[in-house]
Amino acid sequence: MISRHLARIKVMQVLYAYSQDNDKTRNRLERYLLENLNKTYRSFLYSLYVLCKTAEYVFTDVQIRSGKFLPTEEDQIRSTAVFDNPIVQHLVKTEKLYEAVQQEKLHQLADPDLFRLFFQQLRKTEEYRAFALKTYTLLSEERDLLLFLYRSVISASDLFQQHMEDLFSSWPDDRELVFKVILHHLSTIGPSDPPGIIRQAQEQREVKQFAVSLLHQVLDHSRETEELILPHLENWDPERVALLDMLLMKMTLTEWLYFPEIPIKVSFDEYIEIAKSYSTPKSGEFINGLLDALLKKLRDEQRIHKSGRGTM
């Protein structure tokens, strides 16, 4: 679930922090980078936990409503299908979600009032009412309700977003990725699938190795890439070039020169996109122009050597 795109962003942030404080050792930088990547895994795990605990609140809701002396028509709806949902059961029992949450001590961060609020919001919707009144539900209908709960109730809540920001400092960067990954898993996993979602999300060894390698390679070749960039700043005062822009160009050049398996266009597009999101409004256009010129120079000098997937 941790993509190379996210790894590049995390490396950029670590290098930017390093440029502000050169006292940090490489070991500390690497440890800080891996901790940031682990925060993404933890926020993914916790988001799934909030989803399942919200569904589980249905048992408390049923108990409360069944004890009323004068139940309303709404109180008659006492289906527990939202938690008995085979996809939820797969996450809780097969994937052992709750055990993973306890191992990370994330259950200690939970606010049970949020589960109640989110379930009450769900209960007021036509989607839930139509689902709960059915005597028999298809897997596709159970999947749709779970997707609706996560997409339209939990993730759409400002309260949830603020809660996640309070718990995970990296949430503003991780939010979109976690949202997409959870929607993908809810859309594709089946009740008879073997476990793997949580384990794979935790490990992601290949992406972590890429992130660590990128960090060290950018540091190792910082002077070389800077010397490539400076001659192309003839009409610019190097002191006025945004520090982040310079860093992103160095990262691009490092991938071009020292990551033969990554296609040129992939690195180019990735860092232009990151510049648009994280640097100044004109950074994307500025970096695009300089990288075009640098690419032509490196190709003319035959300094870029790609192999395998990098030749695509």
Protein backbone atom coordinates (compact mmCIF):
# COMPACT_ATOMS: atom_id res chain seq x y z
CA MET A 1 0.00 0.00 0.00
CA ILE A 2 2.99 2.30 0.49
CA SER A 3 3.67 3.44 -3.06
CA ARG A 4 6.88 4.76 -4.56
CA HIS A 5 5.11 8.09 -5.00
CA LEU A 6 4.61 8.31 -1.25
CA ALA A 7 8.20 7.12 -0.66
CA ARG A 8 9.50 9.99 -2.80
CA ILE A 9 7.46 12.49 -0.79
CA LYS A 10 8.77 11.09 2.49
CA VAL A 11 12.37 11.20 1.24
CA MET A 12 11.85 14.79 0.06
CA GLN A 13 10.54 15.79 3.49
CA VAL A 14 13.45 14.12 5.31
CA LEU A 15 16.00 15.78 3.01
CA TYR A 16 14.31 19.14 3.39
CA ALA A 17 14.45 18.82 7.18
CA TYR A 18 18.11 17.81 6.88
CA SER A 19 18.89 20.95 4.85
CA GLN A 20 17.59 22.97 7.79
CA ASP A 21 19.61 20.99 10.34
CA ASN A 22 22.82 19.37 9.09
CA ASP A 23 23.61 17.93 12.51
CA LYS A 24 21.49 14.85 11.84
CA THR A 25 23.49 11.73 11.01
CA ARG A 26 22.59 9.43 8.14
CA ASN A 27 21.46 6.78 10.55
CA ARG A 28 19.07 9.23 12.17
CA LEU A 29 17.77 10.35 8.77
CA GLU A 30 17.16 6.75 7.71
CA ARG A 31 15.45 5.94 10.99
CA TYR A 32 13.27 9.06 10.68
CA LEU A 33 12.34 8.08 7.10
CA LEU A 34 11.31 4.55 8.09
CA GLU A 35 9.33 5.90 11.05
CA ASN A 36 7.40 8.17 8.67
CA LEU A 37 6.63 5.27 6.36
CA ASN A 38 5.46 3.24 9.36
CA LYS A 39 3.08 6.06 10.30
CA THR A 40 1.37 5.52 6.95
CA TYR A 41 0.85 1.85 7.80
CA ARG A 42 -0.48 2.76 11.25
CA SER A 43 -2.96 5.30 9.85
CA PHE A 44 -4.15 2.68 7.34
CA LEU A 45 -4.61 0.14 10.13
CA TYR A 46 -6.42 2.61 12.36
CA SER A 47 -8.76 3.71 9.56
CA LEU A 48 -9.82 0.10 9.01
CA TYR A 49 -10.29 -0.23 12.76
CA VAL A 50 -12.62 2.80 12.88
CA LEU A 51 -14.64 1.30 10.03
CA CYS A 52 -15.08 -2.08 11.73
CA LYS A 53 -15.75 -0.64 15.20
CA THR A 54 -18.41 1.65 13.72
CA ALA A 55 -20.07 -1.40 12.15
CA GLU A 56 -19.75 -3.25 15.46
CA TYR A 57 -21.63 -0.49 17.29
CA VAL A 58 -24.80 -1.93 15.73
CA PHE A 59 -24.97 -4.42 18.65
CA THR A 60 -25.09 -1.59 21.18
CA ASP A 61 -27.67 0.20 19.06
CA VAL A 62 -29.89 -2.88 18.84
CA GLN A 63 -29.68 -3.39 22.60
CA ILE A 64 -30.64 0.23 23.30
CA ARG A 65 -33.61 0.19 20.91
CA SER A 66 -34.94 -3.19 22.01
CA GLY A 67 -35.11 -1.91 25.60
CA LYS A 68 -37.41 1.01 24.81
CA PHE A 69 -40.97 0.95 26.26
CA LEU A 70 -42.39 2.86 23.29
CA PRO A 71 -40.29 1.95 20.27
CA THR A 72 -40.73 4.05 17.16
CA GLU A 73 -40.95 2.68 13.63
CA GLU A 74 -37.23 3.38 13.29
CA ASP A 75 -36.52 1.41 16.46
CA GLN A 76 -38.02 -1.68 14.82
CA ILE A 77 -35.01 -1.85 12.49
CA ARG A 78 -32.68 -4.07 14.50
CA SER A 79 -30.56 -5.79 11.87
CA THR A 80 -26.94 -6.58 12.84
CA ALA A 81 -26.01 -7.35 9.24
CA VAL A 82 -23.68 -4.35 8.97
CA PHE A 83 -21.22 -6.09 11.32
CA ASP A 84 -22.10 -9.66 10.35
CA ASN A 85 -21.09 -8.50 6.86
CA PRO A 86 -18.66 -11.20 5.56
CA ILE A 87 -16.14 -8.54 4.50
CA VAL A 88 -16.02 -7.06 7.99
CA GLN A 89 -15.73 -10.56 9.42
CA HIS A 90 -12.88 -11.29 7.00
CA LEU A 91 -11.00 -8.21 8.25
CA VAL A 92 -11.65 -8.98 11.93
CA LYS A 93 -11.17 -12.76 11.94
CA THR A 94 -9.07 -13.75 8.92
CA GLU A 95 -6.88 -10.66 8.71
CA LYS A 96 -6.87 -10.41 12.54
CA LEU A 97 -7.32 -6.65 12.34
CA TYR A 98 -8.06 -6.15 16.04
CA GLU A 99 -4.93 -8.10 17.03
CA ALA A 100 -2.79 -5.97 14.72
CA VAL A 101 -4.33 -2.82 16.18
CA GLN A 102 -3.53 -4.00 19.71
CA GLN A 103 0.05 -4.86 18.74
CA GLU A 104 0.49 -1.27 17.56
CA LYS A 105 -1.35 0.00 20.69
CA LEU A 106 -3.72 1.91 18.42
CA HIS A 107 -6.81 0.79 20.35
CA GLN A 108 -5.64 3.08 23.14
CA LEU A 109 -6.05 6.07 20.81
CA ALA A 110 -9.65 5.29 19.84
CA ASP A 111 -12.59 7.46 20.84
CA PRO A 112 -15.69 5.23 21.23
CA ASP A 113 -17.94 8.28 20.86
CA LEU A 114 -16.82 8.51 17.23
CA PHE A 115 -18.04 4.95 16.55
CA ARG A 116 -21.41 5.88 18.00
CA LEU A 117 -21.65 9.14 16.04
CA PHE A 118 -20.66 7.54 12.75
CA PHE A 119 -23.11 4.68 13.22
CA GLN A 120 -25.92 7.09 14.09
CA GLN A 121 -25.18 9.03 10.91
CA LEU A 122 -25.24 5.81 8.91
CA ARG A 123 -28.52 4.74 10.52
CA LYS A 124 -30.25 7.91 9.33
CA THR A 125 -29.46 7.25 5.67
CA GLU A 126 -31.80 5.67 3.15
CA GLU A 127 -28.98 3.34 2.13
CA TYR A 128 -28.82 1.79 5.60
CA ARG A 129 -32.58 1.61 6.03
CA ALA A 130 -33.07 -0.18 2.71
CA PHE A 131 -30.28 -2.61 3.57
CA ALA A 132 -31.42 -3.34 7.14
CA LEU A 133 -35.01 -4.09 6.10
CA LYS A 134 -33.96 -6.91 3.79
CA THR A 135 -34.32 -10.46 5.03
CA TYR A 136 -31.60 -11.66 2.68
CA THR A 137 -28.67 -9.65 1.28
CA LEU A 138 -26.25 -10.35 -1.54
CA LEU A 139 -22.49 -10.01 -1.07
CA SER A 140 -22.52 -7.11 -3.55
CA GLU A 141 -25.09 -5.29 -1.40
CA GLU A 142 -23.08 -5.89 1.77
CA ARG A 143 -19.98 -4.61 -0.01
CA ASP A 144 -21.81 -1.51 -1.25
CA LEU A 145 -23.02 -0.63 2.25
CA LEU A 146 -19.51 -0.94 3.65
CA LEU A 147 -18.11 1.26 0.86
CA PHE A 148 -20.87 3.79 1.54
CA LEU A 149 -20.06 3.79 5.27
CA TYR A 150 -16.36 4.43 4.69
CA ARG A 151 -16.65 6.84 1.76
CA SER A 152 -19.74 8.88 2.61
CA VAL A 153 -19.94 8.75 6.41
CA ILE A 154 -16.51 8.23 7.97
CA SER A 155 -14.09 9.79 5.46
CA ALA A 156 -16.52 12.60 4.67
CA SER A 157 -16.59 13.63 8.33
CA ASP A 158 -14.54 16.67 9.35
CA LEU A 159 -14.48 15.15 12.82
CA PHE A 160 -12.75 12.04 11.51
CA GLN A 161 -10.22 14.04 9.49
CA GLN A 162 -9.36 16.20 12.49
CA HIS A 163 -9.12 13.11 14.70
CA MET A 164 -6.65 11.51 12.27
CA GLU A 165 -4.55 14.69 12.07
CA ASP A 166 -4.40 14.81 15.85
CA LEU A 167 -3.16 11.21 16.02
CA PHE A 168 -0.92 11.02 12.94
CA SER A 169 1.29 13.97 11.98
CA SER A 170 1.71 12.52 8.49
CA TRP A 171 -2.05 12.28 7.83
CA PRO A 172 -2.27 15.29 5.43
CA ASP A 173 0.19 13.46 3.14
CA ASP A 174 -1.22 9.99 3.71
CA ARG A 175 -4.95 10.76 3.58
CA GLU A 176 -5.53 10.33 -0.16
CA LEU A 177 -3.40 7.18 -0.40
CA VAL A 178 -5.07 5.49 2.59
CA PHE A 179 -8.52 6.44 1.27
CA LYS A 180 -7.83 4.88 -2.15
CA VAL A 181 -6.21 1.74 -0.75
CA ILE A 182 -9.06 1.03 1.66
CA LEU A 183 -11.67 1.57 -1.06
CA HIS A 184 -9.72 -0.80 -3.31
CA HIS A 185 -9.54 -3.51 -0.64
CA LEU A 186 -13.22 -3.18 0.26
CA SER A 187 -14.10 -3.45 -3.43
CA THR A 188 -11.99 -6.53 -4.14
CA ILE A 189 -11.52 -8.75 -1.08
CA GLY A 190 -13.74 -11.78 -0.68
CA PRO A 191 -14.76 -13.62 2.50
CA SER A 192 -12.86 -16.75 1.45
CA ASP A 193 -9.61 -14.95 0.55
CA PRO A 194 -6.47 -15.91 2.51
CA PRO A 195 -5.02 -13.29 4.89
CA GLY A 196 -2.48 -10.90 3.44
CA ILE A 197 -3.78 -7.32 3.33
CA ILE A 198 -2.45 -6.25 6.73
CA ARG A 199 0.78 -8.25 6.53
CA GLN A 200 1.62 -6.89 3.08
CA ALA A 201 0.80 -3.34 4.15
CA GLN A 202 3.13 -3.67 7.12
CA GLU A 203 6.05 -5.14 5.23
CA GLN A 204 6.31 -3.39 1.86
CA ARG A 205 10.01 -4.21 1.94
CA GLU A 206 10.68 -3.29 -1.68
CA VAL A 207 9.28 0.22 -1.36
CA LYS A 208 11.10 0.82 1.93
CA GLN A 209 14.37 -0.34 0.35
CA PHE A 210 13.76 2.04 -2.55
CA ALA A 211 13.13 4.93 -0.14
CA VAL A 212 16.31 4.25 1.86
CA SER A 213 18.38 3.84 -1.31
CA LEU A 214 17.00 7.08 -2.76
CA LEU A 215 17.81 8.95 0.44
CA HIS A 216 21.45 7.78 0.44
CA GLN A 217 21.97 8.24 -3.30
CA VAL A 218 20.68 11.82 -3.25
CA LEU A 219 23.04 12.61 -0.35
CA ASP A 220 25.97 10.84 -2.03
CA HIS A 221 25.56 12.72 -5.30
CA SER A 222 24.30 16.05 -4.01
CA ARG A 223 27.35 18.04 -5.16
CA GLU A 224 27.38 16.34 -8.58
CA THR A 225 23.71 17.04 -9.28
CA GLU A 226 24.01 20.61 -8.02
CA GLU A 227 26.92 21.22 -10.42
CA LEU A 228 24.71 19.94 -13.25
CA ILE A 229 21.88 22.28 -12.31
CA LEU A 230 23.73 25.55 -11.64
CA PRO A 231 24.85 26.27 -15.26
CA HIS A 232 21.19 26.13 -16.30
CA LEU A 233 20.27 28.91 -13.89
CA GLU A 234 21.86 31.64 -16.04
CA ASN A 235 18.79 33.85 -15.85
CA TRP A 236 18.07 32.98 -12.25
CA ASP A 237 19.71 33.92 -8.99
CA PRO A 238 20.56 30.52 -7.43
CA GLU A 239 19.90 32.01 -4.00
CA ARG A 240 16.33 32.79 -5.04
CA VAL A 241 15.54 29.32 -6.38
CA ALA A 242 13.26 27.65 -3.86
CA LEU A 243 15.16 25.15 -1.74
CA LEU A 244 12.46 22.56 -2.39
CA ASP A 245 12.69 23.08 -6.15
CA MET A 246 16.45 22.51 -6.07
CA LEU A 247 15.94 19.40 -3.96
CA LEU A 248 13.32 17.96 -6.32
CA MET A 249 15.59 18.52 -9.33
CA LYS A 250 18.45 16.77 -7.51
CA MET A 251 16.18 13.83 -6.75
CA THR A 252 15.11 13.61 -10.41
CA LEU A 253 18.70 13.67 -11.64
CA THR A 254 19.67 11.04 -9.08
CA GLU A 255 16.97 8.70 -10.36
CA TRP A 256 17.96 9.33 -13.97
CA LEU A 257 21.62 8.60 -13.31
CA TYR A 258 21.62 6.00 -10.54
CA PHE A 259 18.35 4.07 -10.76
CA PRO A 260 18.61 2.25 -14.11
CA GLU A 261 15.37 0.30 -13.58
CA ILE A 262 13.19 3.45 -13.36
CA PRO A 263 12.08 4.94 -16.71
CA ILE A 264 13.08 8.55 -17.35
CA LYS A 265 9.49 9.66 -17.86
CA VAL A 266 8.33 8.12 -14.57
CA SER A 267 10.87 10.11 -12.55
CA PHE A 268 10.18 13.25 -14.59
CA ASP A 269 6.39 13.11 -14.14
CA GLU A 270 6.59 12.12 -10.47
CA TYR A 271 8.68 15.11 -9.39
CA ILE A 272 6.74 17.60 -11.50
CA GLU A 273 3.59 16.38 -9.77
CA ILE A 274 5.20 16.62 -6.33
CA ALA A 275 6.42 20.15 -7.11
CA LYS A 276 2.89 21.24 -8.01
CA SER A 277 1.57 19.92 -4.71
CA TYR A 278 4.34 20.91 -2.31
CA SER A 279 6.29 23.86 -3.70
CA THR A 280 5.38 27.27 -5.14
CA PRO A 281 2.58 27.80 -7.71
CA LYS A 282 5.13 28.22 -10.52
CA SER A 283 7.47 25.44 -9.43
CA GLY A 284 6.02 22.80 -11.75
CA GLU A 285 6.59 24.93 -14.84
CA PHE A 286 10.03 26.09 -13.64
CA ILE A 287 11.29 22.58 -12.86
CA ASN A 288 9.79 21.23 -16.08
CA GLY A 289 11.83 23.69 -18.19
CA LEU A 290 15.10 23.05 -16.39
CA LEU A 291 14.71 19.28 -16.41
CA ASP A 292 14.01 19.34 -20.15
CA ALA A 293 17.31 21.14 -20.72
CA LEU A 294 19.19 18.86 -18.33
CA LEU A 295 17.75 15.74 -19.97
CA LYS A 296 18.93 16.89 -23.39
CA LYS A 297 22.43 17.56 -22.03
CA LEU A 298 22.68 14.19 -20.29
CA ARG A 299 21.44 12.34 -23.36
CA ASP A 300 23.88 14.17 -25.63
CA GLU A 301 26.68 13.18 -23.25
CA GLN A 302 25.29 9.60 -23.08
CA ARG A 303 25.31 9.67 -19.29
CA ILE A 304 21.92 8.05 -18.78
CA HIS A 305 21.92 4.26 -18.89
CA LYS A 306 18.66 2.46 -18.34
CA SER A 307 18.01 -1.26 -18.24
CA GLY A 308 15.11 -3.66 -17.78
CA ARG A 309 11.90 -1.79 -16.95
CA GLY A 310 13.86 1.45 -17.09
CA THR A 311 14.02 1.25 -20.88
CA MET A 312 10.23 1.45 -21.19
